[in-house]
Amino acid sequence: MQNSLPKKFDKQANKYNKLRTHDKTFKYRQKIFQDMHGEVLEVGIGVGLNFPLYNRDVELTGVDFSGEMLKRARQAAKEYPFKTTLIQEDVETIDFPENSFDVIVSSGTLCGYQNPLDVLNNFQKWCRPEGKILLLEHGISSNKPLAWLQKSLDPLAVKMVGCHANRDISGLVKSSKLNFAREERYLAGNVYLIWAKP
């Protein structure tokens, strides 16, 4: 991981925190992050925007490399009844034992990894065989002019916010060891909701 990446996200922590009351993606979060139970891992947990969607009986482990994001997540977690463990670590280097989690959640993280395929393959390893992997990601649009723009602006997006705007999320999941269950696309195909299994 580039050392500058956590700093980029540290600087965005307040912006993300404001999304608690103005999150335009919340309707998509509600659509995919349902019926979660048992031990849940959320990677790139950020400020905890998905907290309102967790059942009270889950045991949540959240990982993020941004200390500033986690500071806000710790504060927010106090408002919810479920048990939360937050770890400041890079998702690309952390390791969990095989079959550790019932559900793995990722929202808006696949754009930032240097090796997203390795991360997806780790999800397959960390998730229990009967578990599920739920992804809400943004990536390359199905609209050709918009996709061209995303490709053109990608170097700038990476430099400014540490995020690749032009990744084919479906292609990545299908190339990984995960079992692709189903997908829904929104906003000119820019928003991907993907249900997968280990």
C-alpha atoms as a PDB file:
ATOM      1  CA  MET A   1       0.000   0.000   0.000  1.00  0.00           C
ATOM      2  CA  GLN A   2       1.196   3.507  -0.722  1.00  0.00           C
ATOM      3  CA  ASN A   3       1.818   5.398   2.516  1.00  0.00           C
ATOM      4  CA  SER A   4      -0.033   8.419   1.145  1.00  0.00           C
ATOM      5  CA  LEU A   5      -3.327   6.524   0.749  1.00  0.00           C
ATOM      6  CA  PRO A   6      -4.405   6.497   4.439  1.00  0.00           C
ATOM      7  CA  LYS A   7      -3.586  10.214   4.596  1.00  0.00           C
ATOM      8  CA  LYS A   8      -5.872  10.873   1.619  1.00  0.00           C
ATOM      9  CA  PHE A   9      -8.721   9.124   3.428  1.00  0.00           C
ATOM     10  CA  ASP A  10      -7.895  10.776   6.762  1.00  0.00           C
ATOM     11  CA  LYS A  11      -8.506  14.116   5.034  1.00  0.00           C
ATOM     12  CA  GLN A  12     -11.921  12.925   3.798  1.00  0.00           C
ATOM     13  CA  ALA A  13     -13.174  11.696   7.194  1.00  0.00           C
ATOM     14  CA  ASN A  14     -15.297  14.767   7.967  1.00  0.00           C
ATOM     15  CA  LYS A  15     -16.849  14.684   4.492  1.00  0.00           C
ATOM     16  CA  TYR A  16     -17.843  11.030   4.977  1.00  0.00           C
ATOM     17  CA  ASN A  17     -19.133  11.742   8.474  1.00  0.00           C
ATOM     18  CA  LYS A  18     -21.560  14.327   7.037  1.00  0.00           C
ATOM     19  CA  LEU A  19     -23.005  11.568   4.826  1.00  0.00           C
ATOM     20  CA  ARG A  20     -24.703  10.113   7.908  1.00  0.00           C
ATOM     21  CA  THR A  21     -27.562  12.530   7.270  1.00  0.00           C
ATOM     22  CA  HIS A  22     -27.161  13.079   3.496  1.00  0.00           C
ATOM     23  CA  ASP A  23     -26.153   9.706   2.065  1.00  0.00           C
ATOM     24  CA  LYS A  24     -27.475   9.439  -1.493  1.00  0.00           C
ATOM     25  CA  THR A  25     -26.395   5.780  -1.641  1.00  0.00           C
ATOM     26  CA  PHE A  26     -28.388   4.751   1.448  1.00  0.00           C
ATOM     27  CA  LYS A  27     -31.254   3.319  -0.622  1.00  0.00           C
ATOM     28  CA  TYR A  28     -28.730   1.012  -2.336  1.00  0.00           C
ATOM     29  CA  ARG A  29     -27.184   0.069   1.002  1.00  0.00           C
ATOM     30  CA  GLN A  30     -30.657  -0.861   2.273  1.00  0.00           C
ATOM     31  CA  LYS A  31     -31.229  -2.998  -0.811  1.00  0.00           C
ATOM     32  CA  ILE A  32     -28.140  -5.181  -0.428  1.00  0.00           C
ATOM     33  CA  PHE A  33     -27.149  -5.099   3.243  1.00  0.00           C
ATOM     34  CA  GLN A  34     -30.082  -7.129   4.547  1.00  0.00           C
ATOM     35  CA  ASP A  35     -30.507 -10.239   6.627  1.00  0.00           C
ATOM     36  CA  MET A  36     -26.999 -10.123   8.074  1.00  0.00           C
ATOM     37  CA  HIS A  37     -26.365 -12.417  11.002  1.00  0.00           C
ATOM     38  CA  GLY A  38     -23.595 -13.943  13.107  1.00  0.00           C
ATOM     39  CA  GLU A  39     -20.016 -12.772  12.764  1.00  0.00           C
ATOM     40  CA  VAL A  40     -19.699 -10.022  10.167  1.00  0.00           C
ATOM     41  CA  LEU A  41     -16.550  -8.492   8.678  1.00  0.00           C
ATOM     42  CA  GLU A  42     -16.815  -5.068   7.070  1.00  0.00           C
ATOM     43  CA  VAL A  43     -13.699  -4.035   5.148  1.00  0.00           C
ATOM     44  CA  GLY A  44     -12.982  -0.351   4.629  1.00  0.00           C
ATOM     45  CA  ILE A  45     -15.597   0.384   7.278  1.00  0.00           C
ATOM     46  CA  GLY A  46     -14.821   4.098   7.159  1.00  0.00           C
ATOM     47  CA  VAL A  47     -16.997   6.160   9.510  1.00  0.00           C
ATOM     48  CA  GLY A  48     -19.578   3.358   9.859  1.00  0.00           C
ATOM     49  CA  LEU A  49     -22.229   4.393   7.327  1.00  0.00           C
ATOM     50  CA  ASN A  50     -23.638   0.853   7.307  1.00  0.00           C
ATOM     51  CA  PHE A  51     -24.203   0.696  11.094  1.00  0.00           C
ATOM     52  CA  PRO A  52     -27.971   1.411  10.810  1.00  0.00           C
ATOM     53  CA  LEU A  53     -28.392  -1.729   8.668  1.00  0.00           C
ATOM     54  CA  TYR A  54     -26.912  -4.283  11.074  1.00  0.00           C
ATOM     55  CA  ASN A  55     -29.144  -6.523  13.190  1.00  0.00           C
ATOM     56  CA  ARG A  56     -28.699  -6.101  16.926  1.00  0.00           C
ATOM     57  CA  ASP A  57     -27.328  -9.649  17.318  1.00  0.00           C
ATOM     58  CA  VAL A  58     -24.400  -9.385  14.873  1.00  0.00           C
ATOM     59  CA  GLU A  59     -20.793  -9.353  16.041  1.00  0.00           C
ATOM     60  CA  LEU A  60     -19.154  -6.803  13.781  1.00  0.00           C
ATOM     61  CA  THR A  61     -15.443  -6.602  12.979  1.00  0.00           C
ATOM     62  CA  GLY A  62     -14.524  -3.485  11.022  1.00  0.00           C
ATOM     63  CA  VAL A  63     -11.176  -2.876   9.319  1.00  0.00           C
ATOM     64  CA  ASP A  64      -9.866   0.411   7.914  1.00  0.00           C
ATOM     65  CA  PHE A  65      -6.407   1.917   7.398  1.00  0.00           C
ATOM     66  CA  SER A  66      -7.596   5.454   8.197  1.00  0.00           C
ATOM     67  CA  GLY A  67      -7.275   6.398  11.854  1.00  0.00           C
ATOM     68  CA  GLU A  68      -9.470   9.472  11.346  1.00  0.00           C
ATOM     69  CA  MET A  69     -12.267   7.397   9.801  1.00  0.00           C
ATOM     70  CA  LEU A  70     -12.095   4.880  12.653  1.00  0.00           C
ATOM     71  CA  LYS A  71     -12.181   7.636  15.261  1.00  0.00           C
ATOM     72  CA  ARG A  72     -15.595   8.657  13.904  1.00  0.00           C
ATOM     73  CA  ALA A  73     -16.734   5.029  13.572  1.00  0.00           C
ATOM     74  CA  ARG A  74     -15.873   4.372  17.246  1.00  0.00           C
ATOM     75  CA  GLN A  75     -17.984   7.341  18.270  1.00  0.00           C
ATOM     76  CA  ALA A  76     -20.901   6.249  16.056  1.00  0.00           C
ATOM     77  CA  ALA A  77     -20.730   2.614  17.260  1.00  0.00           C
ATOM     78  CA  LYS A  78     -21.769   3.735  20.763  1.00  0.00           C
ATOM     79  CA  GLU A  79     -25.254   4.450  19.393  1.00  0.00           C
ATOM     80  CA  TYR A  80     -25.833   0.826  18.295  1.00  0.00           C
ATOM     81  CA  PRO A  81     -26.532  -2.317  20.355  1.00  0.00           C
ATOM     82  CA  PHE A  82     -24.324  -4.818  18.506  1.00  0.00           C
ATOM     83  CA  LYS A  83     -20.784  -5.726  19.536  1.00  0.00           C
ATOM     84  CA  THR A  84     -18.188  -3.883  17.428  1.00  0.00           C
ATOM     85  CA  THR A  85     -14.437  -4.471  17.131  1.00  0.00           C
ATOM     86  CA  LEU A  86     -12.575  -1.908  15.021  1.00  0.00           C
ATOM     87  CA  ILE A  87      -9.070  -2.611  13.694  1.00  0.00           C
ATOM     88  CA  GLN A  88      -6.746  -0.066  12.081  1.00  0.00           C
ATOM     89  CA  GLU A  89      -5.048  -2.133   9.406  1.00  0.00           C
ATOM     90  CA  ASP A  90      -4.665  -2.344   5.645  1.00  0.00           C
ATOM     91  CA  VAL A  91      -7.207  -4.784   4.180  1.00  0.00           C
ATOM     92  CA  GLU A  92      -4.593  -5.839   1.621  1.00  0.00           C
ATOM     93  CA  THR A  93      -2.154  -7.058   4.271  1.00  0.00           C
ATOM     94  CA  ILE A  94      -4.357  -8.145   7.193  1.00  0.00           C
ATOM     95  CA  ASP A  95      -5.016 -11.859   7.577  1.00  0.00           C
ATOM     96  CA  PHE A  96      -7.831 -13.706   9.309  1.00  0.00           C
ATOM     97  CA  PRO A  97      -8.103 -17.470   9.849  1.00  0.00           C
ATOM     98  CA  GLU A  98     -10.075 -19.399   7.245  1.00  0.00           C
ATOM     99  CA  ASN A  99     -13.841 -19.609   7.747  1.00  0.00           C
ATOM    100  CA  SER A 100     -13.936 -16.780  10.314  1.00  0.00           C
ATOM    101  CA  PHE A 101     -17.065 -14.909   9.203  1.00  0.00           C
ATOM    102  CA  ASP A 102     -20.692 -15.543   8.251  1.00  0.00           C
ATOM    103  CA  VAL A 103     -20.962 -12.364   6.165  1.00  0.00           C
ATOM    104  CA  ILE A 104     -18.362 -10.096   4.527  1.00  0.00           C
ATOM    105  CA  VAL A 105     -19.439  -6.568   3.604  1.00  0.00           C
ATOM    106  CA  SER A 106     -17.639  -4.139   1.308  1.00  0.00           C
ATOM    107  CA  SER A 107     -18.986  -0.776   0.194  1.00  0.00           C
ATOM    108  CA  GLY A 108     -16.897   1.517  -1.945  1.00  0.00           C
ATOM    109  CA  THR A 109     -13.566  -0.185  -1.254  1.00  0.00           C
ATOM    110  CA  LEU A 110     -12.601  -2.077  -4.425  1.00  0.00           C
ATOM    111  CA  CYS A 111     -11.677   1.207  -6.108  1.00  0.00           C
ATOM    112  CA  GLY A 112      -8.784   1.784  -3.704  1.00  0.00           C
ATOM    113  CA  TYR A 113      -6.900  -1.517  -3.590  1.00  0.00           C
ATOM    114  CA  GLN A 114      -3.704  -2.051  -5.541  1.00  0.00           C
ATOM    115  CA  ASN A 115      -4.617  -5.740  -5.962  1.00  0.00           C
ATOM    116  CA  PRO A 116      -8.417  -6.013  -5.705  1.00  0.00           C
ATOM    117  CA  LEU A 117      -8.418  -9.603  -6.981  1.00  0.00           C
ATOM    118  CA  ASP A 118      -6.244 -10.716  -4.048  1.00  0.00           C
ATOM    119  CA  VAL A 119      -8.663  -9.037  -1.633  1.00  0.00           C
ATOM    120  CA  LEU A 120     -11.671 -10.794  -3.199  1.00  0.00           C
ATOM    121  CA  ASN A 121      -9.850 -14.123  -2.999  1.00  0.00           C
ATOM    122  CA  ASN A 122      -9.227 -13.454   0.691  1.00  0.00           C
ATOM    123  CA  PHE A 123     -12.965 -12.908   1.157  1.00  0.00           C
ATOM    124  CA  GLN A 124     -13.465 -16.413  -0.227  1.00  0.00           C
ATOM    125  CA  LYS A 125     -10.976 -17.753   2.320  1.00  0.00           C
ATOM    126  CA  TRP A 126     -12.271 -15.803   5.321  1.00  0.00           C
ATOM    127  CA  CYS A 127     -15.982 -16.496   4.716  1.00  0.00           C
ATOM    128  CA  ARG A 128     -17.623 -19.680   6.009  1.00  0.00           C
ATOM    129  CA  PRO A 129     -18.822 -22.056   3.253  1.00  0.00           C
ATOM    130  CA  GLU A 130     -22.513 -21.297   3.927  1.00  0.00           C
ATOM    131  CA  GLY A 131     -21.870 -17.546   4.309  1.00  0.00           C
ATOM    132  CA  LYS A 132     -22.233 -14.636   1.899  1.00  0.00           C
ATOM    133  CA  ILE A 133     -20.261 -11.710   0.498  1.00  0.00           C
ATOM    134  CA  LEU A 134     -22.160  -8.471  -0.161  1.00  0.00           C
ATOM    135  CA  LEU A 135     -20.617  -5.731  -2.308  1.00  0.00           C
ATOM    136  CA  LEU A 136     -21.831  -2.200  -3.013  1.00  0.00           C
ATOM    137  CA  GLU A 137     -19.188  -0.678  -5.262  1.00  0.00           C
ATOM    138  CA  HIS A 138     -18.742   1.963  -7.918  1.00  0.00           C
ATOM    139  CA  GLY A 139     -16.874   1.331 -11.145  1.00  0.00           C
ATOM    140  CA  ILE A 140     -16.856   1.651 -14.892  1.00  0.00           C
ATOM    141  CA  SER A 141     -20.220   2.757 -16.273  1.00  0.00           C
ATOM    142  CA  SER A 142     -22.247   0.828 -18.853  1.00  0.00           C
ATOM    143  CA  ASN A 143     -22.766   4.195 -20.590  1.00  0.00           C
ATOM    144  CA  LYS A 144     -19.979   4.508 -23.195  1.00  0.00           C
ATOM    145  CA  PRO A 145     -19.413   8.307 -23.061  1.00  0.00           C
ATOM    146  CA  LEU A 146     -19.396   8.213 -19.265  1.00  0.00           C
ATOM    147  CA  ALA A 147     -17.016   5.221 -19.273  1.00  0.00           C
ATOM    148  CA  TRP A 148     -14.672   7.142 -21.601  1.00  0.00           C
ATOM    149  CA  LEU A 149     -14.735  10.069 -19.163  1.00  0.00           C
ATOM    150  CA  GLN A 150     -14.031   7.760 -16.205  1.00  0.00           C
ATOM    151  CA  LYS A 151     -11.025   6.288 -18.018  1.00  0.00           C
ATOM    152  CA  SER A 152      -9.733   9.758 -18.924  1.00  0.00           C
ATOM    153  CA  LEU A 153     -10.088  11.088 -15.380  1.00  0.00           C
ATOM    154  CA  ASP A 154      -8.799   7.974 -13.610  1.00  0.00           C
ATOM    155  CA  PRO A 155      -5.188   9.207 -13.043  1.00  0.00           C
ATOM    156  CA  LEU A 156      -6.573  12.417 -11.519  1.00  0.00           C
ATOM    157  CA  ALA A 157      -9.053  10.529  -9.296  1.00  0.00           C
ATOM    158  CA  VAL A 158      -6.257   8.303  -7.989  1.00  0.00           C
ATOM    159  CA  LYS A 159      -4.041  11.297  -7.307  1.00  0.00           C
ATOM    160  CA  MET A 160      -6.740  13.374  -5.604  1.00  0.00           C
ATOM    161  CA  VAL A 161      -8.767  10.840  -3.590  1.00  0.00           C
ATOM    162  CA  GLY A 162      -6.914   7.515  -3.978  1.00  0.00           C
ATOM    163  CA  CYS A 163      -9.724   5.946  -5.968  1.00  0.00           C
ATOM    164  CA  HIS A 164      -9.839   4.204  -9.371  1.00  0.00           C
ATOM    165  CA  ALA A 165     -12.992   5.317 -11.200  1.00  0.00           C
ATOM    166  CA  ASN A 166     -12.683   2.867 -14.097  1.00  0.00           C
ATOM    167  CA  ARG A 167     -12.657  -0.619 -12.582  1.00  0.00           C
ATOM    168  CA  ASP A 168     -14.900  -3.344 -13.968  1.00  0.00           C
ATOM    169  CA  ILE A 169     -16.282  -4.596 -10.663  1.00  0.00           C
ATOM    170  CA  SER A 170     -18.343  -7.437 -12.167  1.00  0.00           C
ATOM    171  CA  GLY A 171     -15.318  -8.640 -14.139  1.00  0.00           C
ATOM    172  CA  LEU A 172     -13.160  -8.597 -11.019  1.00  0.00           C
ATOM    173  CA  VAL A 173     -15.652 -10.646  -9.000  1.00  0.00           C
ATOM    174  CA  LYS A 174     -16.123 -13.128 -11.858  1.00  0.00           C
ATOM    175  CA  SER A 175     -12.324 -13.475 -12.185  1.00  0.00           C
ATOM    176  CA  SER A 176     -11.958 -14.172  -8.464  1.00  0.00           C
ATOM    177  CA  LYS A 177     -12.541 -17.415  -6.552  1.00  0.00           C
ATOM    178  CA  LEU A 178     -15.936 -16.165  -5.363  1.00  0.00           C
ATOM    179  CA  ASN A 179     -19.178 -17.628  -6.667  1.00  0.00           C
ATOM    180  CA  PHE A 180     -21.026 -14.781  -8.379  1.00  0.00           C
ATOM    181  CA  ALA A 181     -24.709 -15.049  -7.387  1.00  0.00           C
ATOM    182  CA  ARG A 182     -26.404 -11.954  -8.817  1.00  0.00           C
ATOM    183  CA  GLU A 183     -25.935  -8.293  -9.648  1.00  0.00           C
ATOM    184  CA  GLU A 184     -27.953  -5.103  -9.949  1.00  0.00           C
ATOM    185  CA  ARG A 185     -26.627  -1.904 -11.570  1.00  0.00           C
ATOM    186  CA  TYR A 186     -27.761   1.687 -11.032  1.00  0.00           C
ATOM    187  CA  LEU A 187     -26.894   5.263 -12.060  1.00  0.00           C
ATOM    188  CA  ALA A 188     -25.836   4.505 -15.649  1.00  0.00           C
ATOM    189  CA  GLY A 189     -24.322   1.247 -14.447  1.00  0.00           C
ATOM    190  CA  ASN A 190     -21.842   3.124 -12.281  1.00  0.00           C
ATOM    191  CA  VAL A 191     -23.158   1.593  -9.018  1.00  0.00           C
ATOM    192  CA  TYR A 192     -22.771  -2.182  -8.636  1.00  0.00           C
ATOM    193  CA  LEU A 193     -24.685  -4.290  -6.108  1.00  0.00           C
ATOM    194  CA  ILE A 194     -23.219  -7.799  -6.097  1.00  0.00           C
ATOM    195  CA  TRP A 195     -24.303 -10.813  -4.083  1.00  0.00           C
ATOM    196  CA  ALA A 196     -21.651 -13.552  -3.957  1.00  0.00           C
ATOM    197  CA  LYS A 197     -20.829 -16.730  -2.087  1.00  0.00           C
ATOM    198  CA  PRO A 198     -17.482 -18.245  -1.087  1.00  0.00           C
END
